[in-house]
Amino acid sequence: MNLAVYDVTGKQVGSYDVDPAEIAPRVNKQLLHDAVVMYQANQRQGTHKTKTRGEVAGSTKKLYRQKGTGNARAGGRRSGTRRGGGHIFAKHPRDFGWRMPRKALQAATRMALASRLADDEVKLVAALPIDASAAGPKTAAVAGMLAALGLGESTVLVAPEQHDAVFWKSARNIAGVSVTPVADLNAWALLSPRAVVMTTAAIDAFRAAAKSQAAAGRQPARRAPSPRPRSARSSGVKKGKEG
């Protein structure tokens, strides 16, 4: 497919040929779902806490005798069935994080970008309006570039080739805009916004990394050499004399 390359004013200055199948031959929706769920689960704090009946304040004395009052049987006031009592199934702090295999996450990242390219949701720019040589951050320059690309009202991921502190400071105050260099991209970062903006150098770096990852995945795993059997003489075992 042929993508248009724009400048910071929104004017087309060239084109870029890329095949989504080169980045990912197929898109596995289940793998993308598992990767997104993993990233979301790892962002959970897990600090929720409620008290059990053993943690709330109150006496453990039986409220009234078992029989003869005409009321239902009752124990202490800290029971979970009473107002002010503890929770029957109390929540405790826990870690929701889990990890997927590294190669599976790399494949999910490639599939995510390939699906965004196939859906024509990636905008390519020749260069960013702010770079490391700038005197300081300028939020207006980044906002003007996004408005010229027609992305002023959308959530946008800007993926430069490398981390640039000046550009990051220029974009961090814009609502719905996130900046992630190519080396830190993942499936969740690529799929969550409505559009992705990349430089031509950034997509070149991504394609080179995808090619090296695919080549490494095709190499067969090396098997450890099996230990050689030790003879009786080398093992130090002495043979007894036959009588």
C-alpha atoms as a PDB file:
ATOM      1  CA  MET A   1       0.000   0.000   0.000  1.00  0.00           C
ATOM      2  CA  ASN A   2       1.054   3.569  -0.638  1.00  0.00           C
ATOM      3  CA  LEU A   3       0.897   6.082   2.225  1.00  0.00           C
ATOM      4  CA  ALA A   4       1.094   9.834   1.850  1.00  0.00           C
ATOM      5  CA  VAL A   5       3.860  11.669   3.676  1.00  0.00           C
ATOM      6  CA  TYR A   6       2.960  15.108   5.068  1.00  0.00           C
ATOM      7  CA  ASP A   7       4.920  18.014   6.481  1.00  0.00           C
ATOM      8  CA  VAL A   8       4.038  19.930   9.643  1.00  0.00           C
ATOM      9  CA  THR A   9       1.611  22.160   7.705  1.00  0.00           C
ATOM     10  CA  GLY A  10      -0.428  19.192   6.424  1.00  0.00           C
ATOM     11  CA  LYS A  11       0.868  19.417   2.856  1.00  0.00           C
ATOM     12  CA  GLN A  12       1.731  16.175   1.087  1.00  0.00           C
ATOM     13  CA  VAL A  13       5.436  16.103   0.296  1.00  0.00           C
ATOM     14  CA  GLY A  14       5.897  12.487  -0.800  1.00  0.00           C
ATOM     15  CA  SER A  15       4.712   8.912  -0.558  1.00  0.00           C
ATOM     16  CA  TYR A  16       5.788   5.782   1.284  1.00  0.00           C
ATOM     17  CA  ASP A  17       5.350   2.184   0.142  1.00  0.00           C
ATOM     18  CA  VAL A  18       4.732  -0.399   2.849  1.00  0.00           C
ATOM     19  CA  ASP A  19       3.087  -3.806   2.894  1.00  0.00           C
ATOM     20  CA  PRO A  20       1.300  -4.687   6.166  1.00  0.00           C
ATOM     21  CA  ALA A  21       1.951  -8.371   5.445  1.00  0.00           C
ATOM     22  CA  GLU A  22       5.674  -7.614   5.613  1.00  0.00           C
ATOM     23  CA  ILE A  23       5.277  -6.464   9.215  1.00  0.00           C
ATOM     24  CA  ALA A  24       2.834  -9.209  10.208  1.00  0.00           C
ATOM     25  CA  PRO A  25       1.711 -11.928   7.759  1.00  0.00           C
ATOM     26  CA  ARG A  26      -1.537 -12.352   9.678  1.00  0.00           C
ATOM     27  CA  VAL A  27      -3.389 -10.676  12.533  1.00  0.00           C
ATOM     28  CA  ASN A  28      -4.352 -12.919  15.440  1.00  0.00           C
ATOM     29  CA  LYS A  29      -7.174 -11.170  17.282  1.00  0.00           C
ATOM     30  CA  GLN A  30      -6.949 -13.512  20.251  1.00  0.00           C
ATOM     31  CA  LEU A  31      -3.261 -12.719  20.709  1.00  0.00           C
ATOM     32  CA  LEU A  32      -3.996  -8.981  20.518  1.00  0.00           C
ATOM     33  CA  HIS A  33      -6.776  -9.386  23.079  1.00  0.00           C
ATOM     34  CA  ASP A  34      -4.515 -11.295  25.473  1.00  0.00           C
ATOM     35  CA  ALA A  35      -1.765  -8.677  25.139  1.00  0.00           C
ATOM     36  CA  VAL A  36      -4.153  -5.772  25.795  1.00  0.00           C
ATOM     37  CA  VAL A  37      -5.657  -7.529  28.822  1.00  0.00           C
ATOM     38  CA  MET A  38      -2.154  -8.155  30.180  1.00  0.00           C
ATOM     39  CA  TYR A  39      -1.128  -4.500  29.856  1.00  0.00           C
ATOM     40  CA  GLN A  40      -4.371  -3.343  31.462  1.00  0.00           C
ATOM     41  CA  ALA A  41      -4.029  -5.846  34.299  1.00  0.00           C
ATOM     42  CA  ASN A  42      -0.472  -4.699  34.984  1.00  0.00           C
ATOM     43  CA  GLN A  43      -1.732  -1.122  35.389  1.00  0.00           C
ATOM     44  CA  ARG A  44      -4.095  -2.069  38.224  1.00  0.00           C
ATOM     45  CA  GLN A  45      -2.895  -0.946  41.631  1.00  0.00           C
ATOM     46  CA  GLY A  46      -4.569  -3.768  43.536  1.00  0.00           C
ATOM     47  CA  THR A  47      -4.783  -1.711  46.752  1.00  0.00           C
ATOM     48  CA  HIS A  48      -8.481  -2.377  47.436  1.00  0.00           C
ATOM     49  CA  LYS A  49      -9.252  -3.464  50.993  1.00  0.00           C
ATOM     50  CA  THR A  50     -12.373  -4.185  53.050  1.00  0.00           C
ATOM     51  CA  LYS A  51     -12.623  -5.504  56.596  1.00  0.00           C
ATOM     52  CA  THR A  52     -13.711  -8.948  57.652  1.00  0.00           C
ATOM     53  CA  ARG A  53     -15.787  -9.567  60.785  1.00  0.00           C
ATOM     54  CA  GLY A  54     -12.559 -10.113  62.674  1.00  0.00           C
ATOM     55  CA  GLU A  55     -11.264  -6.637  61.758  1.00  0.00           C
ATOM     56  CA  VAL A  56     -14.267  -4.398  62.521  1.00  0.00           C
ATOM     57  CA  ALA A  57     -14.769  -2.883  65.965  1.00  0.00           C
ATOM     58  CA  GLY A  58     -17.362  -4.409  68.253  1.00  0.00           C
ATOM     59  CA  SER A  59     -17.984  -7.057  70.831  1.00  0.00           C
ATOM     60  CA  THR A  60     -18.131 -10.758  70.111  1.00  0.00           C
ATOM     61  CA  LYS A  61     -20.781 -11.294  72.779  1.00  0.00           C
ATOM     62  CA  LYS A  62     -23.971 -13.014  71.658  1.00  0.00           C
ATOM     63  CA  LEU A  63     -26.708 -10.393  71.354  1.00  0.00           C
ATOM     64  CA  TYR A  64     -29.419 -12.424  73.140  1.00  0.00           C
ATOM     65  CA  ARG A  65     -30.064 -15.982  74.125  1.00  0.00           C
ATOM     66  CA  GLN A  66     -30.633 -18.620  71.485  1.00  0.00           C
ATOM     67  CA  LYS A  67     -34.231 -19.529  72.313  1.00  0.00           C
ATOM     68  CA  GLY A  68     -37.283 -17.995  73.890  1.00  0.00           C
ATOM     69  CA  THR A  69     -37.137 -14.451  72.511  1.00  0.00           C
ATOM     70  CA  GLY A  70     -39.156 -14.979  69.348  1.00  0.00           C
ATOM     71  CA  ASN A  71     -36.367 -13.461  67.245  1.00  0.00           C
ATOM     72  CA  ALA A  72     -34.175 -15.140  64.712  1.00  0.00           C
ATOM     73  CA  ARG A  73     -30.958 -16.675  65.978  1.00  0.00           C
ATOM     74  CA  ALA A  74     -28.183 -14.096  66.221  1.00  0.00           C
ATOM     75  CA  GLY A  75     -24.528 -14.135  67.132  1.00  0.00           C
ATOM     76  CA  GLY A  76     -22.244 -11.133  67.569  1.00  0.00           C
ATOM     77  CA  ARG A  77     -22.874  -7.685  66.129  1.00  0.00           C
ATOM     78  CA  ARG A  78     -19.839  -7.961  63.849  1.00  0.00           C
ATOM     79  CA  SER A  79     -21.595 -10.505  61.643  1.00  0.00           C
ATOM     80  CA  GLY A  80     -21.620  -9.745  57.925  1.00  0.00           C
ATOM     81  CA  THR A  81     -25.423  -9.881  57.831  1.00  0.00           C
ATOM     82  CA  ARG A  82     -25.729  -6.879  60.159  1.00  0.00           C
ATOM     83  CA  ARG A  83     -25.290  -3.170  59.505  1.00  0.00           C
ATOM     84  CA  GLY A  84     -21.801  -2.129  60.526  1.00  0.00           C
ATOM     85  CA  GLY A  85     -20.502  -5.674  60.444  1.00  0.00           C
ATOM     86  CA  GLY A  86     -17.630  -7.041  58.421  1.00  0.00           C
ATOM     87  CA  HIS A  87     -17.729  -8.155  54.798  1.00  0.00           C
ATOM     88  CA  ILE A  88     -18.416 -11.826  54.276  1.00  0.00           C
ATOM     89  CA  PHE A  89     -16.080 -12.067  51.267  1.00  0.00           C
ATOM     90  CA  ALA A  90     -13.701  -9.227  52.088  1.00  0.00           C
ATOM     91  CA  LYS A  91     -11.328  -7.819  49.487  1.00  0.00           C
ATOM     92  CA  HIS A  92      -7.613  -7.873  50.183  1.00  0.00           C
ATOM     93  CA  PRO A  93      -4.675  -6.220  48.386  1.00  0.00           C
ATOM     94  CA  ARG A  94      -3.342  -8.366  45.572  1.00  0.00           C
ATOM     95  CA  ASP A  95      -1.142  -8.177  42.510  1.00  0.00           C
ATOM     96  CA  PHE A  96      -3.058  -8.506  39.251  1.00  0.00           C
ATOM     97  CA  GLY A  97       0.069  -8.477  37.080  1.00  0.00           C
ATOM     98  CA  TRP A  98       1.103 -11.327  34.824  1.00  0.00           C
ATOM     99  CA  ARG A  99       3.430 -11.747  31.886  1.00  0.00           C
ATOM    100  CA  MET A 100       3.203 -13.224  28.402  1.00  0.00           C
ATOM    101  CA  PRO A 101       6.155 -14.692  26.501  1.00  0.00           C
ATOM    102  CA  ARG A 102       8.455 -12.076  25.003  1.00  0.00           C
ATOM    103  CA  LYS A 103       8.104 -13.326  21.431  1.00  0.00           C
ATOM    104  CA  ALA A 104       4.309 -13.335  21.764  1.00  0.00           C
ATOM    105  CA  LEU A 105       4.345  -9.677  22.849  1.00  0.00           C
ATOM    106  CA  GLN A 106       6.666  -8.773  19.984  1.00  0.00           C
ATOM    107  CA  ALA A 107       4.325 -10.507  17.533  1.00  0.00           C
ATOM    108  CA  ALA A 108       1.329  -8.685  19.051  1.00  0.00           C
ATOM    109  CA  THR A 109       3.079  -5.330  18.585  1.00  0.00           C
ATOM    110  CA  ARG A 110       3.753  -6.076  14.919  1.00  0.00           C
ATOM    111  CA  MET A 111       0.159  -7.241  14.403  1.00  0.00           C
ATOM    112  CA  ALA A 112      -1.181  -4.076  16.038  1.00  0.00           C
ATOM    113  CA  LEU A 113       0.728  -1.776  13.691  1.00  0.00           C
ATOM    114  CA  ALA A 114      -0.132  -3.934  10.670  1.00  0.00           C
ATOM    115  CA  SER A 115      -3.840  -3.709  11.530  1.00  0.00           C
ATOM    116  CA  ARG A 116      -3.641   0.089  11.928  1.00  0.00           C
ATOM    117  CA  LEU A 117      -1.888   0.352   8.560  1.00  0.00           C
ATOM    118  CA  ALA A 118      -4.485  -1.872   6.896  1.00  0.00           C
ATOM    119  CA  ASP A 119      -7.283   0.322   8.317  1.00  0.00           C
ATOM    120  CA  ASP A 120      -5.554   3.509   7.068  1.00  0.00           C
ATOM    121  CA  GLU A 121      -5.195   4.870  10.612  1.00  0.00           C
ATOM    122  CA  VAL A 122      -1.501   5.791  10.432  1.00  0.00           C
ATOM    123  CA  LYS A 123      -0.312   9.248   9.378  1.00  0.00           C
ATOM    124  CA  LEU A 124       3.279   9.671   8.214  1.00  0.00           C
ATOM    125  CA  VAL A 125       5.188  12.926   8.564  1.00  0.00           C
ATOM    126  CA  ALA A 126       8.571  13.761   7.122  1.00  0.00           C
ATOM    127  CA  ALA A 127       9.803  15.322  10.387  1.00  0.00           C
ATOM    128  CA  LEU A 128       8.471  16.546  13.707  1.00  0.00           C
ATOM    129  CA  PRO A 129       7.980  20.273  14.298  1.00  0.00           C
ATOM    130  CA  ILE A 130      10.108  20.195  17.462  1.00  0.00           C
ATOM    131  CA  ASP A 131      13.433  18.398  17.841  1.00  0.00           C
ATOM    132  CA  ALA A 132      16.342  18.291  20.261  1.00  0.00           C
ATOM    133  CA  SER A 133      17.937  21.336  18.605  1.00  0.00           C
ATOM    134  CA  ALA A 134      14.985  23.577  19.482  1.00  0.00           C
ATOM    135  CA  ALA A 135      15.461  26.313  22.049  1.00  0.00           C
ATOM    136  CA  GLY A 136      12.672  24.927  24.210  1.00  0.00           C
ATOM    137  CA  PRO A 137       9.321  23.141  24.167  1.00  0.00           C
ATOM    138  CA  LYS A 138       6.487  24.665  22.128  1.00  0.00           C
ATOM    139  CA  THR A 139       3.088  23.093  22.600  1.00  0.00           C
ATOM    140  CA  ALA A 140       1.514  25.300  19.925  1.00  0.00           C
ATOM    141  CA  ALA A 141       3.758  23.805  17.232  1.00  0.00           C
ATOM    142  CA  VAL A 142       2.678  20.237  18.031  1.00  0.00           C
ATOM    143  CA  ALA A 143      -0.981  21.230  18.314  1.00  0.00           C
ATOM    144  CA  GLY A 144      -0.758  23.004  14.960  1.00  0.00           C
ATOM    145  CA  MET A 145       0.730  19.920  13.301  1.00  0.00           C
ATOM    146  CA  LEU A 146      -2.055  17.678  14.642  1.00  0.00           C
ATOM    147  CA  ALA A 147      -4.720  20.171  13.545  1.00  0.00           C
ATOM    148  CA  ALA A 148      -3.193  20.343  10.052  1.00  0.00           C
ATOM    149  CA  LEU A 149      -3.332  16.535   9.839  1.00  0.00           C
ATOM    150  CA  GLY A 150      -7.000  16.556  10.853  1.00  0.00           C
ATOM    151  CA  LEU A 151      -6.324  14.979  14.252  1.00  0.00           C
ATOM    152  CA  GLY A 152      -6.987  17.950  16.503  1.00  0.00           C
ATOM    153  CA  GLU A 153     -10.025  16.374  18.191  1.00  0.00           C
ATOM    154  CA  SER A 154      -8.815  12.769  18.381  1.00  0.00           C
ATOM    155  CA  THR A 155      -6.684  10.728  20.716  1.00  0.00           C
ATOM    156  CA  VAL A 156      -3.314  10.410  19.013  1.00  0.00           C
ATOM    157  CA  LEU A 157      -0.137   8.420  19.535  1.00  0.00           C
ATOM    158  CA  VAL A 158       2.994  10.124  18.193  1.00  0.00           C
ATOM    159  CA  ALA A 159       5.828   7.652  17.647  1.00  0.00           C
ATOM    160  CA  PRO A 160       9.211   9.260  16.898  1.00  0.00           C
ATOM    161  CA  GLU A 161      12.307   7.279  16.019  1.00  0.00           C
ATOM    162  CA  GLN A 162      14.005   8.044  19.346  1.00  0.00           C
ATOM    163  CA  HIS A 163      13.064   9.673  22.616  1.00  0.00           C
ATOM    164  CA  ASP A 164      13.197  13.454  22.389  1.00  0.00           C
ATOM    165  CA  ALA A 165      12.738  15.264  25.696  1.00  0.00           C
ATOM    166  CA  VAL A 166      11.932  18.598  24.024  1.00  0.00           C
ATOM    167  CA  PHE A 167       9.190  17.125  21.833  1.00  0.00           C
ATOM    168  CA  TRP A 168       7.787  15.131  24.739  1.00  0.00           C
ATOM    169  CA  LYS A 169       7.526  18.278  26.849  1.00  0.00           C
ATOM    170  CA  SER A 170       5.851  20.038  23.927  1.00  0.00           C
ATOM    171  CA  ALA A 171       3.123  17.384  23.607  1.00  0.00           C
ATOM    172  CA  ARG A 172       2.473  16.315  27.187  1.00  0.00           C
ATOM    173  CA  ASN A 173       0.027  19.183  27.890  1.00  0.00           C
ATOM    174  CA  ILE A 174      -2.250  18.294  24.947  1.00  0.00           C
ATOM    175  CA  ALA A 175      -5.228  16.219  26.052  1.00  0.00           C
ATOM    176  CA  GLY A 176      -5.398  12.791  24.429  1.00  0.00           C
ATOM    177  CA  VAL A 177      -1.876  12.926  22.961  1.00  0.00           C
ATOM    178  CA  SER A 178       0.799  10.444  24.017  1.00  0.00           C
ATOM    179  CA  VAL A 179       4.394  10.180  22.827  1.00  0.00           C
ATOM    180  CA  THR A 180       6.153   6.802  22.680  1.00  0.00           C
ATOM    181  CA  PRO A 181       9.375   6.097  20.775  1.00  0.00           C
ATOM    182  CA  VAL A 182       9.500   3.116  18.436  1.00  0.00           C
ATOM    183  CA  ALA A 183      11.598   1.027  20.816  1.00  0.00           C
ATOM    184  CA  ASP A 184       8.912   1.285  23.541  1.00  0.00           C
ATOM    185  CA  LEU A 185       5.829   0.577  21.412  1.00  0.00           C
ATOM    186  CA  ASN A 186       3.491  -2.209  22.412  1.00  0.00           C
ATOM    187  CA  ALA A 187       0.105  -3.527  21.317  1.00  0.00           C
ATOM    188  CA  TRP A 188      -1.834  -1.553  23.939  1.00  0.00           C
ATOM    189  CA  ALA A 189      -0.127   1.740  23.035  1.00  0.00           C
ATOM    190  CA  LEU A 190      -0.848   1.215  19.328  1.00  0.00           C
ATOM    191  CA  LEU A 191      -4.473   0.109  19.658  1.00  0.00           C
ATOM    192  CA  SER A 192      -5.771   2.511  22.331  1.00  0.00           C
ATOM    193  CA  PRO A 193      -5.691   5.858  20.401  1.00  0.00           C
ATOM    194  CA  ARG A 194      -7.856   6.722  17.408  1.00  0.00           C
ATOM    195  CA  ALA A 195      -4.862   7.524  15.181  1.00  0.00           C
ATOM    196  CA  VAL A 196      -1.099   6.997  15.040  1.00  0.00           C
ATOM    197  CA  VAL A 197       1.416   9.560  13.773  1.00  0.00           C
ATOM    198  CA  MET A 198       4.877   8.300  12.824  1.00  0.00           C
ATOM    199  CA  THR A 199       7.855   9.769  11.049  1.00  0.00           C
ATOM    200  CA  THR A 200       9.294   7.975   8.037  1.00  0.00           C
ATOM    201  CA  ALA A 201      12.474   7.284  10.018  1.00  0.00           C
ATOM    202  CA  ALA A 202      10.381   5.765  12.810  1.00  0.00           C
ATOM    203  CA  ILE A 203       8.495   3.363  10.554  1.00  0.00           C
ATOM    204  CA  ASP A 204      11.789   2.392   8.902  1.00  0.00           C
ATOM    205  CA  ALA A 205      13.206   1.542  12.319  1.00  0.00           C
ATOM    206  CA  PHE A 206      10.077  -0.448  13.176  1.00  0.00           C
ATOM    207  CA  ARG A 207      10.279  -2.433   9.935  1.00  0.00           C
ATOM    208  CA  ALA A 208      13.958  -3.190  10.525  1.00  0.00           C
ATOM    209  CA  ALA A 209      13.227  -4.405  14.053  1.00  0.00           C
ATOM    210  CA  ALA A 210      10.281  -6.497  12.825  1.00  0.00           C
ATOM    211  CA  LYS A 211      12.466  -8.098  10.166  1.00  0.00           C
ATOM    212  CA  SER A 212      15.157  -9.027  12.686  1.00  0.00           C
ATOM    213  CA  GLN A 213      12.562 -10.413  15.114  1.00  0.00           C
ATOM    214  CA  ALA A 214      10.977 -12.531  12.385  1.00  0.00           C
ATOM    215  CA  ALA A 215      14.391 -13.855  11.352  1.00  0.00           C
ATOM    216  CA  ALA A 216      15.243 -14.727  14.955  1.00  0.00           C
ATOM    217  CA  GLY A 217      11.921 -16.544  15.346  1.00  0.00           C
ATOM    218  CA  ARG A 218      12.619 -18.769  12.342  1.00  0.00           C
ATOM    219  CA  GLN A 219      15.953 -19.994  13.693  1.00  0.00           C
ATOM    220  CA  PRO A 220      15.715 -23.413  15.330  1.00  0.00           C
ATOM    221  CA  ALA A 221      16.486 -23.572  19.018  1.00  0.00           C
ATOM    222  CA  ARG A 222      19.903 -24.930  19.843  1.00  0.00           C
ATOM    223  CA  ARG A 223      19.907 -28.158  21.802  1.00  0.00           C
ATOM    224  CA  ALA A 224      22.426 -28.630  24.549  1.00  0.00           C
ATOM    225  CA  PRO A 225      24.913 -31.427  23.784  1.00  0.00           C
ATOM    226  CA  SER A 226      24.126 -34.643  25.608  1.00  0.00           C
ATOM    227  CA  PRO A 227      26.771 -35.772  28.102  1.00  0.00           C
ATOM    228  CA  ARG A 228      29.049 -38.520  26.875  1.00  0.00           C
ATOM    229  CA  PRO A 229      28.878 -41.818  28.794  1.00  0.00           C
ATOM    230  CA  ARG A 230      31.802 -42.306  31.111  1.00  0.00           C
ATOM    231  CA  SER A 231      33.772 -45.529  30.897  1.00  0.00           C
ATOM    232  CA  ALA A 232      34.675 -47.631  33.901  1.00  0.00           C
ATOM    233  CA  ARG A 233      38.338 -46.624  33.677  1.00  0.00           C
ATOM    234  CA  SER A 234      37.621 -42.881  33.460  1.00  0.00           C
ATOM    235  CA  SER A 235      35.138 -43.021  36.320  1.00  0.00           C
ATOM    236  CA  GLY A 236      37.742 -44.467  38.623  1.00  0.00           C
ATOM    237  CA  VAL A 237      35.937 -47.774  39.190  1.00  0.00           C
ATOM    238  CA  LYS A 238      38.326 -50.685  39.640  1.00  0.00           C
ATOM    239  CA  LYS A 239      37.363 -54.004  38.233  1.00  0.00           C
ATOM    240  CA  GLY A 240      37.728 -56.877  40.651  1.00  0.00           C
ATOM    241  CA  LYS A 241      39.869 -59.947  39.808  1.00  0.00           C
ATOM    242  CA  GLU A 242      38.040 -62.992  38.765  1.00  0.00           C
ATOM    243  CA  GLY A 243      38.670 -65.930  41.086  1.00  0.00           C
END
